[in-house]
Amino acid sequence: MAKRIGASSFCDEDPMARASRDAHLVREIHVSRGELRARLKPARPPSADDASITTDGQRLDSKEEVLEFLAEVDAARRAEPEVGMATGSADPSPNIPRIVAVLNRHAVDYLLVGGVATIVHGAAATTGDVDCLVEGSKKNLHRLAVAMVELEARLRVGRLDDHEVAVLPVVLDEVMLARTEISVWRTDAGNVDLLTALPGDSGGRLYYDDLVERSDLMVIEGMTAPVACLDDVIASKRWADRPKDRQVLPELRELSRVQMAVE
């Protein structure tokens, strides 16, 4: 069902109440918690192949690299002394309704992408984390940091165990988030990956502002969450070209064909 709603800050308020702001036509995709939960899997233990942070196109996957990055962030932070900070404990079980509720309550501008987006669009896929493409302004990254603090987020570092990660000097705030292209976190609602851009078909980068106008809307338990449209999900999977991306692409293309025929 298509409904005309506001384009920004999909919060818990009635979407129709925001229809006068930057209205655009989006599809609503209703998903039950049971259906979604059936496609979620426990997060696997971190491995040496994981990168906790990607910045300037470089994956940081060792303790030394992460510490060097955190030192650089701390130097940048000293020029902006009035930013929020916190770290916390984590629970690896995915809980998408809780993550959505917290992001919405803090008015974070984001899009669900990655595995969750493929599931929402109907693919028979599974995922152990929640990928969020976030709008990169300082104000939005501050709201995001506050939301992640509420979720008790802590950095995931593939070559470190939980005890080693816990003592890293991680300050979760907009200064750190602004210096990352991808950062991966464990929270009390499961694993969350934060991205500031997605790869496009041409190899260029697609940002939140590029995708939000054609996004769809997931509705779950009365809450709404913006989801990257199927064509953008396909484009990002095609460019990423990992085995799991290649595996799901035929089904996504068929879903796109069916969707176009219905519309």
Protein backbone atom coordinates (compact mmCIF):
# COMPACT_ATOMS: atom_id res chain seq x y z
CA MET A 1 0.00 0.00 0.00
CA ALA A 2 1.44 3.37 -0.99
CA LYS A 3 0.95 6.31 1.31
CA ARG A 4 2.12 9.91 1.07
CA ILE A 5 4.18 10.80 4.13
CA GLY A 6 6.93 13.14 5.25
CA ALA A 7 10.45 12.38 4.06
CA SER A 8 12.46 13.13 7.20
CA SER A 9 12.81 11.71 10.72
CA PHE A 10 10.43 8.73 10.61
CA CYS A 11 9.52 8.80 14.29
CA ASP A 12 6.83 7.07 16.34
CA GLU A 13 4.33 9.84 15.62
CA ASP A 14 1.60 9.26 13.06
CA PRO A 15 3.28 9.50 9.63
CA MET A 16 0.26 11.34 8.20
CA ALA A 17 0.85 14.11 10.71
CA ARG A 18 4.10 14.87 8.93
CA ALA A 19 2.65 14.74 5.43
CA SER A 20 2.98 18.45 4.90
CA ARG A 21 6.78 18.28 5.22
CA ASP A 22 8.72 17.28 2.11
CA ALA A 23 6.01 14.82 1.10
CA HIS A 24 6.86 12.01 -1.26
CA LEU A 25 5.23 8.72 -2.21
CA VAL A 26 6.60 5.64 -0.49
CA ARG A 27 5.49 2.04 -0.21
CA GLU A 28 4.53 0.69 3.20
CA ILE A 29 5.79 -2.83 3.89
CA HIS A 30 4.06 -4.37 6.89
CA VAL A 31 6.16 -6.94 8.74
CA SER A 32 5.15 -8.91 11.84
CA ARG A 33 7.67 -9.34 14.61
CA GLY A 34 7.35 -13.11 14.29
CA GLU A 35 8.12 -13.03 10.57
CA LEU A 36 11.13 -10.84 11.13
CA ARG A 37 12.42 -12.81 14.10
CA ALA A 38 12.29 -16.02 12.05
CA ARG A 39 14.92 -14.54 9.71
CA LEU A 40 17.25 -13.30 12.44
CA LYS A 41 20.13 -15.46 13.59
CA PRO A 42 22.45 -15.21 16.59
CA ALA A 43 25.45 -13.04 15.90
CA ARG A 44 28.54 -15.13 15.21
CA PRO A 45 31.60 -14.60 17.43
CA PRO A 46 34.01 -11.94 16.12
CA SER A 47 36.75 -13.26 13.86
CA ALA A 48 40.04 -11.98 12.52
CA ASP A 49 38.28 -11.16 9.27
CA ASP A 50 36.09 -8.53 10.92
CA ALA A 51 36.95 -4.84 10.75
CA SER A 52 35.58 -2.68 13.55
CA ILE A 53 36.02 0.56 11.61
CA THR A 54 36.50 1.58 8.00
CA THR A 55 37.89 5.07 7.46
CA ASP A 56 39.29 6.62 4.29
CA GLY A 57 38.67 3.31 2.58
CA GLN A 58 40.95 1.42 5.01
CA ARG A 59 39.71 -1.42 7.21
CA LEU A 60 41.05 -1.28 10.78
CA ASP A 61 41.11 -4.77 12.23
CA SER A 62 43.97 -4.85 14.73
CA LYS A 63 44.23 -3.42 18.22
CA GLU A 64 47.12 -1.18 17.18
CA GLU A 65 45.20 0.28 14.22
CA VAL A 66 42.10 0.90 16.33
CA LEU A 67 44.12 2.56 19.09
CA GLU A 68 45.85 4.82 16.57
CA PHE A 69 42.48 5.78 15.12
CA LEU A 70 41.03 6.48 18.57
CA ALA A 71 43.99 8.69 19.40
CA GLU A 72 43.38 10.70 16.22
CA VAL A 73 39.70 11.02 17.11
CA ASP A 74 40.59 12.17 20.62
CA ALA A 75 42.83 14.87 19.19
CA ALA A 76 39.96 16.06 16.99
CA ARG A 77 37.56 15.89 19.93
CA ARG A 78 39.64 18.29 22.00
CA ALA A 79 38.73 20.98 19.50
CA GLU A 80 35.05 20.23 20.23
CA PRO A 81 34.87 19.78 24.00
CA GLU A 82 31.08 19.79 24.39
CA VAL A 83 30.16 16.46 22.85
CA GLY A 84 28.44 13.55 24.59
CA MET A 85 30.20 10.29 25.35
CA ALA A 86 29.61 6.82 26.75
CA THR A 87 30.37 3.17 26.35
CA GLY A 88 28.53 0.13 27.66
CA SER A 89 27.80 -3.59 27.73
CA ALA A 90 26.15 -5.62 25.01
CA ASP A 91 23.73 -8.41 24.21
CA PRO A 92 24.21 -10.05 20.79
CA SER A 93 20.58 -11.08 20.25
CA PRO A 94 19.04 -9.08 17.36
CA ASN A 95 15.99 -7.05 18.42
CA ILE A 96 15.01 -4.88 15.47
CA PRO A 97 11.86 -3.37 17.04
CA ARG A 98 13.94 -2.11 19.97
CA ILE A 99 16.66 -0.68 17.73
CA VAL A 100 14.05 1.04 15.56
CA ALA A 101 12.24 2.40 18.61
CA VAL A 102 15.40 3.94 20.06
CA LEU A 103 16.55 5.46 16.76
CA ASN A 104 13.08 6.91 16.18
CA ARG A 105 12.76 8.29 19.68
CA HIS A 106 15.98 10.24 19.18
CA ALA A 107 14.85 11.45 15.73
CA VAL A 108 17.82 9.88 13.94
CA ASP A 109 17.71 10.14 10.15
CA TYR A 110 18.61 6.66 8.89
CA LEU A 111 17.72 3.95 6.39
CA LEU A 112 17.73 0.22 7.02
CA VAL A 113 19.96 -1.44 4.43
CA GLY A 114 21.85 -4.71 4.06
CA GLY A 115 20.43 -8.00 5.27
CA VAL A 116 17.44 -6.52 7.09
CA ALA A 117 16.43 -4.64 3.94
CA THR A 118 16.59 -7.83 1.85
CA ILE A 119 14.34 -9.57 4.39
CA VAL A 120 11.86 -6.70 4.51
CA HIS A 121 11.61 -6.79 0.71
CA GLY A 122 10.73 -10.49 0.86
CA ALA A 123 13.98 -12.38 0.33
CA ALA A 124 14.42 -15.69 2.14
CA ALA A 125 17.64 -14.46 3.73
CA THR A 126 18.92 -14.39 7.30
CA THR A 127 21.02 -11.84 9.11
CA GLY A 128 22.73 -11.44 12.45
CA ASP A 129 23.00 -7.67 12.51
CA VAL A 130 21.22 -4.46 11.59
CA ASP A 131 22.82 -2.23 8.94
CA CYS A 132 21.90 1.45 9.09
CA LEU A 133 22.83 4.06 6.51
CA VAL A 134 22.86 7.33 8.43
CA GLU A 135 22.63 10.97 7.42
CA GLY A 136 26.04 12.49 8.05
CA SER A 137 25.37 15.93 9.50
CA LYS A 138 26.88 16.75 12.89
CA LYS A 139 23.45 17.18 14.50
CA ASN A 140 22.20 13.84 13.23
CA LEU A 141 25.38 12.04 14.26
CA HIS A 142 24.99 13.51 17.74
CA ARG A 143 21.42 12.15 17.92
CA LEU A 144 22.72 8.81 16.65
CA ALA A 145 25.46 8.71 19.28
CA VAL A 146 22.92 9.39 22.04
CA ALA A 147 20.70 6.60 20.69
CA MET A 148 23.62 4.17 20.53
CA VAL A 149 24.59 5.06 24.09
CA GLU A 150 21.04 4.20 25.16
CA LEU A 151 21.49 0.85 23.41
CA GLU A 152 24.71 0.38 25.45
CA ALA A 153 26.84 0.12 22.30
CA ARG A 154 30.46 -0.97 22.33
CA LEU A 155 32.85 -1.34 19.43
CA ARG A 156 33.32 -4.76 17.84
CA VAL A 157 36.94 -5.57 17.06
CA GLY A 158 37.47 -8.90 15.33
CA ARG A 159 40.85 -9.83 16.82
CA LEU A 160 39.99 -8.82 20.39
CA ASP A 161 37.82 -10.57 22.95
CA ASP A 162 35.14 -8.75 24.91
CA HIS A 163 37.45 -8.03 27.86
CA GLU A 164 40.11 -6.48 25.61
CA VAL A 165 37.51 -4.38 23.79
CA ALA A 166 36.05 -3.14 27.07
CA VAL A 167 39.29 -1.37 28.02
CA LEU A 168 39.75 0.43 24.71
CA PRO A 169 39.43 4.23 25.08
CA VAL A 170 36.31 4.39 22.92
CA VAL A 171 34.22 7.56 23.18
CA LEU A 172 31.00 7.18 21.25
CA ASP A 173 30.07 10.61 19.96
CA GLU A 174 29.58 12.57 16.75
CA VAL A 175 33.30 13.30 16.44
CA MET A 176 34.14 9.62 16.21
CA LEU A 177 31.18 8.76 13.97
CA ALA A 178 32.02 11.59 11.56
CA ARG A 179 35.47 10.10 10.98
CA THR A 180 34.20 6.63 10.05
CA GLU A 181 32.68 5.27 6.86
CA ILE A 182 31.65 2.05 8.58
CA SER A 183 31.69 1.26 12.28
CA VAL A 184 30.42 -1.98 13.82
CA TRP A 185 28.94 -2.24 17.29
CA ARG A 186 27.47 -4.68 19.76
CA THR A 187 24.49 -3.39 21.71
CA ASP A 188 21.99 -4.71 24.22
CA ALA A 189 19.67 -5.19 21.22
CA GLY A 190 22.18 -7.01 19.01
CA ASN A 191 24.82 -6.09 16.47
CA VAL A 192 24.45 -2.75 14.66
CA ASP A 193 26.60 -1.64 11.72
CA LEU A 194 26.62 2.10 10.97
CA LEU A 195 27.41 3.27 7.44
CA THR A 196 27.69 6.76 6.00
CA ALA A 197 27.58 5.60 2.36
CA LEU A 198 26.68 2.65 0.16
CA PRO A 199 28.38 1.55 -3.05
CA GLY A 200 26.43 2.37 -6.21
CA ASP A 201 26.31 0.60 -9.56
CA SER A 202 29.10 2.74 -11.02
CA GLY A 203 31.38 2.22 -8.06
CA GLY A 204 30.60 5.66 -6.66
CA ARG A 205 29.12 6.30 -3.25
CA LEU A 206 25.45 6.77 -2.46
CA TYR A 207 24.56 8.75 0.65
CA TYR A 208 21.43 8.99 2.78
CA ASP A 209 20.19 12.03 0.86
CA ASP A 210 20.57 10.12 -2.42
CA LEU A 211 18.41 7.23 -1.25
CA VAL A 212 15.82 8.62 1.15
CA GLU A 213 13.53 10.14 -1.49
CA ARG A 214 12.93 6.71 -3.07
CA SER A 215 12.94 4.69 0.15
CA ASP A 216 10.15 2.44 1.39
CA LEU A 217 8.66 2.24 4.86
CA MET A 218 8.68 -0.81 7.11
CA VAL A 219 5.83 -0.95 9.60
CA ILE A 220 6.34 -3.26 12.58
CA GLU A 221 4.38 -3.29 15.83
CA GLY A 222 2.97 0.15 15.07
CA MET A 223 6.40 1.68 14.48
CA THR A 224 7.81 2.86 11.17
CA ALA A 225 11.35 2.51 9.85
CA PRO A 226 12.62 3.76 6.48
CA VAL A 227 14.14 1.03 4.30
CA ALA A 228 16.26 1.46 1.18
CA CYS A 229 14.20 0.65 -1.91
CA LEU A 230 14.70 -2.71 -3.57
CA ASP A 231 16.61 -1.32 -6.56
CA ASP A 232 19.13 0.38 -4.27
CA VAL A 233 19.54 -2.79 -2.23
CA ILE A 234 20.20 -4.72 -5.45
CA ALA A 235 22.74 -2.14 -6.62
CA SER A 236 24.66 -2.26 -3.35
CA LYS A 237 24.67 -6.07 -3.30
CA ARG A 238 25.84 -6.21 -6.90
CA TRP A 239 28.74 -3.88 -6.22
CA ALA A 240 29.75 -5.49 -2.90
CA ASP A 241 29.94 -8.84 -4.75
CA ARG A 242 30.61 -11.00 -1.71
CA PRO A 243 29.49 -14.66 -1.82
CA LYS A 244 26.44 -13.90 0.33
CA ASP A 245 25.56 -10.98 -1.95
CA ARG A 246 25.81 -13.12 -5.08
CA GLN A 247 23.68 -15.78 -3.41
CA VAL A 248 20.73 -13.45 -2.72
CA LEU A 249 20.87 -11.41 -5.94
CA PRO A 250 18.77 -13.75 -8.16
CA GLU A 251 15.94 -13.71 -5.61
CA LEU A 252 16.14 -9.94 -5.24
CA ARG A 253 15.99 -9.47 -9.01
CA GLU A 254 12.92 -11.72 -9.20
CA LEU A 255 11.26 -9.76 -6.40
CA SER A 256 12.01 -6.55 -8.31
CA ARG A 257 10.47 -8.01 -11.46
CA VAL A 258 7.31 -8.99 -9.56
CA GLN A 259 7.15 -5.60 -7.87
CA MET A 260 7.37 -3.78 -11.19
CA ALA A 261 4.67 -5.99 -12.69
CA VAL A 262 2.31 -5.24 -9.79
CA GLU A 263 2.94 -1.51 -9.95
